[in-house]
Amino acid sequence: MLIRDVRIDGRRVDLRLRDGLIVETGPGLDAAEGEALLEGQGRLALPALVDGHVHLDKTLIGLPFIPHIPGTTIAARIAAERHLRRSVALPVADRARALIARLSALGTVALRSHVDIDPEVGLDSLHQILALKAELAGVMQIQTVAFPQSGILREPGTAALLEEAAKAGVDLIGGLDPAGIDGDITGHLDTIFGLAERHGLGLDIHLHDGGELGAHELSQIARRTARAGLSGRVNVSHAFCLGALSPDAFARIAAELAEAGVSIMTSAPGPVPMPPVKALRAAGVTVFAANDNIRDAWSPFGSGDLLERAAILCDRQDFRADADLELALDLVSTVPGAVLGRPRADLTPGALADLMLVPAGSRAEAVAARPPERLVIKGGRVVAGAQVM
């Protein structure tokens, strides 16, 4: 395919795509014989979006609106969700497929989904998501995390289910608040790091515990990551504690995370503390943003639009300059792409042909305006949005 006349970094160029890669860029490229031609019409080309933290099995998209069940603690929210999922008739696969279609139309080409594993649901949801992973590979690259949403030690049988999930083909092992939910930091981390090491998998750990407790858990995670040789393969999601530490404590924990190669995901929710993005990056920590919950038992909100998520991050972190908005765009595209182990997709020759075209004059404007018209290309093939271009 030859894409003619798109904007990249203020330049108007053409892009030649072949075998899933961008093979040539420049003005005035001639179409080769048999090469499909796509008119970019001066639209802005952006790296496609990557959602490094979503819950495909939890979404209620595809169902009539369901009122939110209140709950002020993590444990209360877990209980509310378990109650709700018993009454939802539409299968996980149908709801997840509807969400994937929405994410794809908005420019996302790859995601990491946490999938609940507990004695009540077993591996049923995971098997449905793994089937979708294979079915929709041409539209969405999917990584799966075996996620013990209800805890591990407090839910006998969950550790064995996580072992089964690892054998079933899950990509990562998940964890959740070793202190706040399981009440046993050592026991929880022993279990999930043991699983990761035995099966050669990465880890993605939800950490809501705040203050010094959360900082202590982050320190333990960093040290175990270094000992296990898992640098670059462990992520901590949320890490609210990083937004509420003293400067000295923050500097110490950030240094440990950077040295161990532990990344941090933030979904920029309010009103909880939020990890300071620029300070973490300055310390050498990889940080990215993601959607997390999209219209589910945890929140009635969430559009699935990662450009909207980038804008929320900008608002919460007081990002106003163009360079700040461009950074926020990286946090929902190239940075999580690297965390997921994807080849680079930076719109240069040799990069993945995963991109989207939007009617905007600059990367900063794309984040500020979040134009709904998006043509999405994955692997050199148009997968969404052709009808509006």
Protein backbone atom coordinates (compact mmCIF):
# COMPACT_ATOMS: atom_id res chain seq x y z
CA MET A 1 0.00 0.00 0.00
CA LEU A 2 1.08 3.56 -0.69
CA ILE A 3 -0.41 6.21 1.58
CA ARG A 4 -0.13 9.54 -0.19
CA ASP A 5 0.07 12.94 1.50
CA VAL A 6 0.10 12.64 5.29
CA ARG A 7 1.60 14.91 7.92
CA ILE A 8 4.44 13.70 10.13
CA ASP A 9 6.30 16.16 12.38
CA GLY A 10 5.18 19.12 10.28
CA ARG A 11 6.20 17.52 6.96
CA ARG A 12 3.88 16.24 4.25
CA VAL A 13 5.11 12.88 3.02
CA ASP A 14 4.01 9.60 1.49
CA LEU A 15 4.34 6.22 3.21
CA ARG A 16 4.99 2.91 1.48
CA LEU A 17 3.86 -0.18 3.42
CA ARG A 18 4.90 -3.72 2.66
CA ASP A 19 4.81 -7.02 4.59
CA GLY A 20 3.42 -5.27 7.68
CA LEU A 21 6.19 -2.67 7.82
CA ILE A 22 6.79 0.90 6.71
CA VAL A 23 9.48 0.47 4.08
CA GLU A 24 9.81 3.98 2.64
CA THR A 25 8.84 7.55 3.50
CA GLY A 26 9.22 10.77 1.56
CA PRO A 27 7.45 13.26 -0.67
CA GLY A 28 6.30 12.36 -4.15
CA LEU A 29 6.62 8.57 -4.00
CA ASP A 30 5.31 6.81 -7.09
CA ALA A 31 2.87 3.95 -6.74
CA ALA A 32 4.30 0.63 -7.89
CA GLU A 33 2.34 -1.68 -10.18
CA GLY A 34 -0.37 -3.48 -8.25
CA GLU A 35 0.15 -1.33 -5.16
CA ALA A 36 -3.00 -0.14 -3.39
CA LEU A 37 -3.26 3.63 -3.09
CA LEU A 38 -4.73 5.41 -0.08
CA GLU A 39 -5.17 9.18 -0.13
CA GLY A 40 -4.19 10.67 3.23
CA GLN A 41 -5.59 14.08 2.27
CA GLY A 42 -3.09 15.89 4.48
CA ARG A 43 -4.22 14.16 7.65
CA LEU A 44 -1.86 13.62 10.55
CA ALA A 45 -0.23 10.20 10.82
CA LEU A 46 0.22 8.94 14.37
CA PRO A 47 1.58 5.69 15.82
CA ALA A 48 -1.35 3.40 16.55
CA LEU A 49 -2.46 3.25 20.18
CA VAL A 50 -1.58 0.49 22.64
CA ASP A 51 -3.68 -0.16 25.75
CA GLY A 52 -1.38 -1.70 28.32
CA HIS A 53 -4.10 -2.29 30.94
CA VAL A 54 -7.70 -3.18 30.23
CA HIS A 55 -10.20 -5.76 31.52
CA LEU A 56 -11.94 -7.40 28.56
CA ASP A 57 -13.78 -9.86 30.79
CA LYS A 58 -15.29 -7.18 33.03
CA THR A 59 -16.85 -4.80 30.53
CA LEU A 60 -20.63 -4.42 30.37
CA ILE A 61 -20.56 -2.99 26.85
CA GLY A 62 -23.17 -4.76 24.75
CA LEU A 63 -25.69 -4.72 27.59
CA PRO A 64 -28.28 -2.11 28.55
CA PHE A 65 -26.88 0.37 31.04
CA ILE A 66 -26.53 -1.21 34.50
CA PRO A 67 -26.60 1.09 37.55
CA HIS A 68 -23.35 1.25 39.49
CA ILE A 69 -23.18 -0.74 42.73
CA PRO A 70 -21.54 1.49 45.36
CA GLY A 71 -18.52 0.46 47.41
CA THR A 72 -15.87 2.64 49.03
CA THR A 73 -13.06 0.10 49.50
CA ILE A 74 -11.25 -2.28 47.15
CA ALA A 75 -12.70 -5.24 49.03
CA ALA A 76 -16.23 -3.82 48.72
CA ARG A 77 -15.75 -3.23 45.00
CA ILE A 78 -14.54 -6.83 44.54
CA ALA A 79 -17.62 -8.13 46.37
CA ALA A 80 -19.93 -5.92 44.29
CA GLU A 81 -18.38 -7.15 41.07
CA ARG A 82 -18.69 -10.82 42.02
CA HIS A 83 -22.36 -10.21 42.86
CA LEU A 84 -23.00 -8.47 39.54
CA ARG A 85 -21.27 -10.98 37.29
CA ARG A 86 -23.56 -13.76 38.54
CA SER A 87 -26.52 -11.94 36.96
CA VAL A 88 -24.96 -10.90 33.63
CA ALA A 89 -26.39 -13.07 30.88
CA LEU A 90 -24.24 -11.96 27.92
CA PRO A 91 -21.11 -14.15 27.73
CA VAL A 92 -17.67 -12.68 28.37
CA ALA A 93 -16.66 -13.33 24.75
CA ASP A 94 -19.55 -11.28 23.35
CA ARG A 95 -18.92 -8.32 25.62
CA ALA A 96 -15.17 -8.47 25.03
CA ARG A 97 -15.67 -8.64 21.27
CA ALA A 98 -17.85 -5.51 21.40
CA LEU A 99 -15.19 -3.69 23.41
CA ILE A 100 -12.41 -4.78 21.06
CA ALA A 101 -14.40 -3.42 18.11
CA ARG A 102 -14.73 -0.08 19.89
CA LEU A 103 -11.05 0.05 20.82
CA SER A 104 -10.04 -0.80 17.27
CA ALA A 105 -12.21 1.95 15.79
CA LEU A 106 -10.55 4.43 18.16
CA GLY A 107 -7.03 3.52 17.02
CA THR A 108 -5.90 0.77 19.39
CA VAL A 109 -4.12 -2.17 17.74
CA ALA A 110 -2.69 -3.98 20.78
CA LEU A 111 -3.72 -4.45 24.38
CA ARG A 112 -2.95 -6.25 27.61
CA SER A 113 -6.04 -7.63 29.32
CA HIS A 114 -6.22 -8.79 32.91
CA VAL A 115 -8.64 -11.72 33.22
CA ASP A 116 -10.15 -12.67 36.57
CA ILE A 117 -9.13 -16.05 37.99
CA ASP A 118 -10.83 -17.31 41.16
CA PRO A 119 -12.49 -20.49 42.41
CA GLU A 120 -15.93 -19.27 41.35
CA VAL A 121 -15.17 -18.35 37.71
CA GLY A 122 -12.25 -20.73 37.30
CA LEU A 123 -10.59 -20.45 33.89
CA ASP A 124 -13.81 -19.98 31.93
CA SER A 125 -13.28 -16.27 31.21
CA LEU A 126 -9.65 -16.87 30.35
CA HIS A 127 -10.53 -19.56 27.80
CA GLN A 128 -13.02 -17.19 26.15
CA ILE A 129 -10.44 -14.39 25.93
CA LEU A 130 -7.75 -16.76 24.61
CA ALA A 131 -10.17 -17.85 21.87
CA LEU A 132 -10.79 -14.20 20.97
CA LYS A 133 -7.03 -13.59 20.94
CA ALA A 134 -6.67 -16.14 18.15
CA GLU A 135 -9.86 -15.13 16.31
CA LEU A 136 -9.11 -11.38 16.19
CA ALA A 137 -5.33 -11.44 15.81
CA GLY A 138 -5.54 -9.54 12.53
CA VAL A 139 -7.34 -6.65 14.24
CA MET A 140 -5.98 -6.66 17.79
CA GLN A 141 -2.86 -8.11 19.38
CA ILE A 142 -3.93 -9.35 22.81
CA GLN A 143 -1.77 -10.21 25.81
CA THR A 144 -3.46 -11.91 28.77
CA VAL A 145 -2.77 -11.62 32.49
CA ALA A 146 -4.08 -14.26 34.91
CA PHE A 147 -5.47 -11.86 37.50
CA PRO A 148 -6.38 -12.99 41.04
CA GLN A 149 -8.94 -10.21 41.58
CA SER A 150 -10.26 -11.72 44.83
CA GLY A 151 -6.82 -12.45 46.26
CA ILE A 152 -4.73 -15.59 46.35
CA LEU A 153 -4.14 -16.63 49.95
CA ARG A 154 -7.60 -15.55 51.10
CA GLU A 155 -9.19 -17.63 48.30
CA PRO A 156 -7.98 -21.24 48.66
CA GLY A 157 -7.51 -22.88 45.30
CA THR A 158 -6.57 -19.69 43.44
CA ALA A 159 -2.84 -20.46 43.38
CA ALA A 160 -3.56 -23.79 41.69
CA LEU A 161 -5.80 -22.05 39.16
CA LEU A 162 -3.04 -19.56 38.36
CA GLU A 163 -0.75 -22.55 37.73
CA GLU A 164 -3.35 -23.96 35.33
CA ALA A 165 -3.66 -20.58 33.63
CA ALA A 166 0.08 -20.48 33.07
CA LYS A 167 -0.10 -23.89 31.39
CA ALA A 168 -3.13 -22.80 29.34
CA GLY A 169 -1.13 -20.11 27.57
CA VAL A 170 -1.56 -16.91 29.59
CA ASP A 171 1.16 -14.31 28.89
CA LEU A 172 1.65 -12.92 32.40
CA ILE A 173 0.81 -13.66 36.03
CA GLY A 174 -1.06 -10.99 37.95
CA GLY A 175 -1.05 -9.93 41.57
CA LEU A 176 -3.13 -7.68 43.80
CA ASP A 177 -2.35 -5.74 46.99
CA PRO A 178 -0.25 -8.33 48.84
CA ALA A 179 -0.92 -6.55 52.14
CA GLY A 180 -4.30 -4.92 51.61
CA ILE A 181 -6.10 -7.93 50.16
CA ASP A 182 -4.11 -11.02 51.15
CA GLY A 183 -2.59 -9.63 54.36
CA ASP A 184 0.69 -11.43 53.63
CA ILE A 185 3.25 -9.62 51.50
CA THR A 186 5.81 -12.40 51.56
CA GLY A 187 3.32 -15.20 50.89
CA HIS A 188 1.65 -13.36 48.02
CA LEU A 189 4.89 -12.35 46.31
CA ASP A 190 6.39 -15.82 46.84
CA THR A 191 3.42 -17.28 44.97
CA ILE A 192 3.34 -14.99 41.96
CA PHE A 193 7.11 -14.69 41.49
CA GLY A 194 7.40 -18.45 41.86
CA LEU A 195 4.81 -18.95 39.11
CA ALA A 196 6.54 -16.43 36.85
CA GLU A 197 9.93 -18.06 37.27
CA ARG A 198 8.63 -21.63 36.81
CA HIS A 199 6.78 -20.80 33.62
CA GLY A 200 9.02 -18.10 32.14
CA LEU A 201 6.31 -15.43 32.35
CA GLY A 202 6.20 -11.75 33.21
CA LEU A 203 4.22 -10.14 36.02
CA ASP A 204 1.67 -7.33 36.20
CA ILE A 205 0.64 -6.43 39.74
CA HIS A 206 -2.24 -4.18 40.80
CA LEU A 207 -1.07 -2.11 43.77
CA HIS A 208 -3.61 0.17 45.44
CA ASP A 209 -2.04 0.10 48.92
CA GLY A 210 -0.97 3.64 49.75
CA GLY A 211 1.69 5.52 51.69
CA GLU A 212 4.65 3.80 53.27
CA LEU A 213 2.94 0.40 53.05
CA GLY A 214 2.66 0.68 49.29
CA ALA A 215 6.24 1.97 49.08
CA HIS A 216 7.45 -1.04 51.06
CA GLU A 217 5.63 -3.39 48.69
CA LEU A 218 7.14 -1.61 45.67
CA SER A 219 10.58 -2.03 47.19
CA GLN A 220 9.97 -5.73 47.72
CA ILE A 221 8.73 -6.12 44.13
CA ALA A 222 11.80 -4.31 42.76
CA ARG A 223 14.20 -6.46 44.78
CA ARG A 224 12.50 -9.70 43.76
CA THR A 225 12.47 -8.59 40.13
CA ALA A 226 16.22 -8.03 40.21
CA ARG A 227 16.89 -11.37 41.91
CA ALA A 228 14.70 -13.25 39.44
CA GLY A 229 16.32 -11.62 36.40
CA LEU A 230 12.95 -10.25 35.29
CA SER A 231 14.06 -6.74 34.35
CA GLY A 232 11.66 -5.27 31.80
CA ARG A 233 9.09 -8.00 32.45
CA VAL A 234 7.42 -6.73 35.62
CA ASN A 235 4.85 -3.94 35.71
CA VAL A 236 3.05 -2.41 38.67
CA SER A 237 -0.36 -0.96 37.86
CA HIS A 238 -1.65 2.11 39.71
CA ALA A 239 1.00 2.45 42.44
CA PHE A 240 -0.97 5.26 44.06
CA CYS A 241 1.58 5.45 46.86
CA LEU A 242 4.09 7.11 44.52
CA GLY A 243 1.91 10.21 44.49
CA ALA A 244 1.93 10.60 48.27
CA LEU A 245 5.52 9.99 49.41
CA SER A 246 8.03 12.43 50.85
CA PRO A 247 10.67 13.58 48.34
CA ASP A 248 13.33 11.39 49.95
CA ALA A 249 11.11 8.29 50.03
CA PHE A 250 10.02 8.87 46.44
CA ALA A 251 13.61 9.24 45.22
CA ARG A 252 14.62 6.01 46.96
CA ILE A 253 11.73 3.95 45.56
CA ALA A 254 12.04 5.44 42.07
CA ALA A 255 15.73 4.54 42.00
CA GLU A 256 14.93 0.95 43.02
CA LEU A 257 12.27 0.64 40.33
CA ALA A 258 14.56 2.05 37.65
CA GLU A 259 17.48 -0.19 38.60
CA ALA A 260 15.26 -3.30 38.66
CA GLY A 261 13.51 -2.43 35.38
CA VAL A 262 9.99 -2.32 36.85
CA SER A 263 7.51 -0.21 34.88
CA ILE A 264 4.50 1.71 36.19
CA MET A 265 1.02 1.99 34.67
CA THR A 266 -1.35 4.80 35.58
CA SER A 267 -4.93 5.23 34.45
CA ALA A 268 -5.07 8.72 35.98
CA PRO A 269 -8.24 8.13 38.01
CA GLY A 270 -9.44 10.68 40.56
CA PRO A 271 -9.40 11.53 43.38
CA VAL A 272 -6.65 9.13 44.50
CA PRO A 273 -2.96 10.17 44.37
CA MET A 274 -1.32 9.68 41.01
CA PRO A 275 2.29 8.71 40.27
CA PRO A 276 4.18 11.82 39.08
CA VAL A 277 4.95 10.98 35.47
CA LYS A 278 7.80 13.40 34.77
CA ALA A 279 9.58 12.73 38.06
CA LEU A 280 9.47 8.98 37.46
CA ARG A 281 10.75 9.35 33.91
CA ALA A 282 13.55 11.62 35.14
CA ALA A 283 14.53 8.85 37.55
CA GLY A 284 14.68 6.35 34.69
CA VAL A 285 11.37 4.56 35.35
CA THR A 286 9.21 3.54 32.38
CA VAL A 287 5.70 4.96 32.83
CA PHE A 288 2.67 4.57 30.59
CA ALA A 289 -1.06 5.27 30.71
CA ALA A 290 -4.02 3.00 29.97
CA ASN A 291 -7.80 2.80 30.10
CA ASP A 292 -8.24 0.22 32.88
CA ASN A 293 -11.98 -0.13 33.56
CA ILE A 294 -14.36 0.61 30.70
CA ARG A 295 -18.02 0.66 31.73
CA ASP A 296 -17.98 -2.20 34.20
CA ALA A 297 -18.72 -2.94 37.84
CA TRP A 298 -15.83 -0.71 38.91
CA SER A 299 -16.92 2.36 36.99
CA PRO A 300 -19.85 3.36 34.77
CA PHE A 301 -17.44 5.56 32.79
CA GLY A 302 -14.80 4.92 30.15
CA SER A 303 -15.10 5.42 26.42
CA GLY A 304 -12.13 3.26 25.42
CA ASP A 305 -10.45 6.25 23.77
CA LEU A 306 -6.77 6.38 24.69
CA LEU A 307 -6.48 9.93 23.33
CA GLU A 308 -9.12 10.87 25.91
CA ARG A 309 -7.13 8.99 28.56
CA ALA A 310 -4.01 10.94 27.54
CA ALA A 311 -5.96 14.20 27.91
CA ILE A 312 -7.16 13.18 31.39
CA LEU A 313 -3.55 12.51 32.37
CA CYS A 314 -2.57 15.93 31.07
CA ASP A 315 -5.28 17.58 33.13
CA ARG A 316 -4.31 15.76 36.32
CA GLN A 317 -0.57 16.36 35.90
CA ASP A 318 -1.00 19.97 34.71
CA PHE A 319 0.46 19.19 31.29
CA ARG A 320 -0.27 22.21 29.08
CA ALA A 321 2.65 22.79 26.70
CA ASP A 322 2.74 21.07 23.31
CA ALA A 323 5.71 18.97 24.44
CA ASP A 324 3.68 17.76 27.43
CA LEU A 325 0.76 16.71 25.22
CA GLU A 326 3.17 14.93 22.89
CA LEU A 327 4.60 13.08 25.88
CA ALA A 328 1.08 12.01 26.89
CA LEU A 329 0.55 10.64 23.39
CA ASP A 330 3.73 8.57 23.71
CA LEU A 331 2.39 7.19 27.00
CA VAL A 332 -0.55 5.59 25.17
CA SER A 333 1.30 4.45 22.04
CA THR A 334 5.03 3.85 21.73
CA VAL A 335 5.84 3.46 25.44
CA PRO A 336 3.24 0.76 26.25
CA GLY A 337 4.13 -0.84 22.92
CA ALA A 338 7.67 -1.32 24.21
CA VAL A 339 6.38 -2.60 27.57
CA LEU A 340 4.32 -5.21 25.71
CA GLY A 341 7.45 -6.22 23.82
CA ARG A 342 6.24 -5.00 20.44
CA PRO A 343 8.65 -3.92 17.69
CA ARG A 344 8.94 -0.17 17.26
CA ALA A 345 6.08 1.66 15.54
CA ASP A 346 7.48 5.19 15.20
CA LEU A 347 6.49 5.87 11.55
CA THR A 348 10.05 5.49 10.26
CA PRO A 349 11.30 2.95 7.70
CA GLY A 350 11.53 -0.49 9.24
CA ALA A 351 8.84 0.25 11.83
CA LEU A 352 5.59 -1.66 12.16
CA ALA A 353 2.91 -0.42 9.78
CA ASP A 354 0.58 0.20 12.71
CA LEU A 355 -0.72 3.77 12.52
CA MET A 356 -3.78 5.95 12.37
CA LEU A 357 -4.70 9.02 10.35
CA VAL A 358 -6.59 11.86 12.01
CA PRO A 359 -7.68 15.37 10.94
CA ALA A 360 -5.27 17.34 13.12
CA GLY A 361 -2.33 19.62 12.47
CA SER A 362 -0.02 18.30 15.19
CA ARG A 363 0.42 15.57 17.79
CA ALA A 364 -0.50 18.04 20.53
CA GLU A 365 -3.70 19.00 18.74
CA ALA A 366 -4.63 15.33 18.37
CA VAL A 367 -4.52 14.93 22.16
CA ALA A 368 -6.32 18.22 22.83
CA ALA A 369 -9.03 17.80 20.19
CA ARG A 370 -9.37 13.99 20.13
CA PRO A 371 -10.90 13.99 16.63
CA PRO A 372 -13.45 11.18 16.22
CA GLU A 373 -12.54 10.58 12.55
CA ARG A 374 -9.75 7.98 12.58
CA LEU A 375 -8.48 5.65 9.91
CA VAL A 376 -6.70 2.76 11.59
CA ILE A 377 -4.05 0.58 9.96
CA LYS A 378 -2.64 -2.57 11.55
CA GLY A 379 0.04 -4.61 9.89
CA GLY A 380 -0.26 -2.51 6.75
CA ARG A 381 -3.98 -3.22 6.40
CA VAL A 382 -6.88 -0.85 7.05
CA VAL A 383 -8.88 -2.30 9.96
CA ALA A 384 -11.19 0.60 10.90
CA GLY A 385 -12.45 3.96 9.77
CA ALA A 386 -12.20 3.78 5.98
CA GLN A 387 -15.77 4.97 5.57
CA VAL A 388 -15.05 8.37 7.17
CA MET A 389 -11.88 9.16 5.21
